[in-house]
Amino acid sequence: MTQLLTIENNHFDDCGKPPVVSPDDYVGYFQNSFGEQWIFTFDRQTRTGTLYGGDIGWDEPCKVVGGLVMEVFLRQPEALWLQACWIAATGNQIGAIQSQTAPRRRSTDVATAPQFPKN
């Protein structure tokens, strides 16, 4: 099989070794205007997402749940990219963990206003 994409690591050696990704995973790559590199992977078998970044240390993966990551602060461009990756990899909206557990709404379903207890 031939390689589809090869990306040079912009970070110093002390940032760790970049991840090796599985060809079975969804992979997203982002480089911002400062040269900071990010890689998102989604394992389709385990349905888990992982974020890697050169500036935070390639060997310090962060768990991605519902398109969000809690371990690091992302600027808006990185956060939007990560959310787009999540939707592309899972077919879910942001915050949704697994499409199998969420009921699917048909276009004929009628939305009702939430019922609140009366005081």
Foldseek 3Di string as FASTA:
>chain_A
DDDDDDDDDPADCVLDDADDDDPQWQWDWDADPVRKIKIWTARPVVRWIWIATSVNGNVDIFTAAQLDTDPDDDDPVVSVSSQVSSCVRAVDHRPDGHPVPDDDDDPPDDDDDDDDDDD
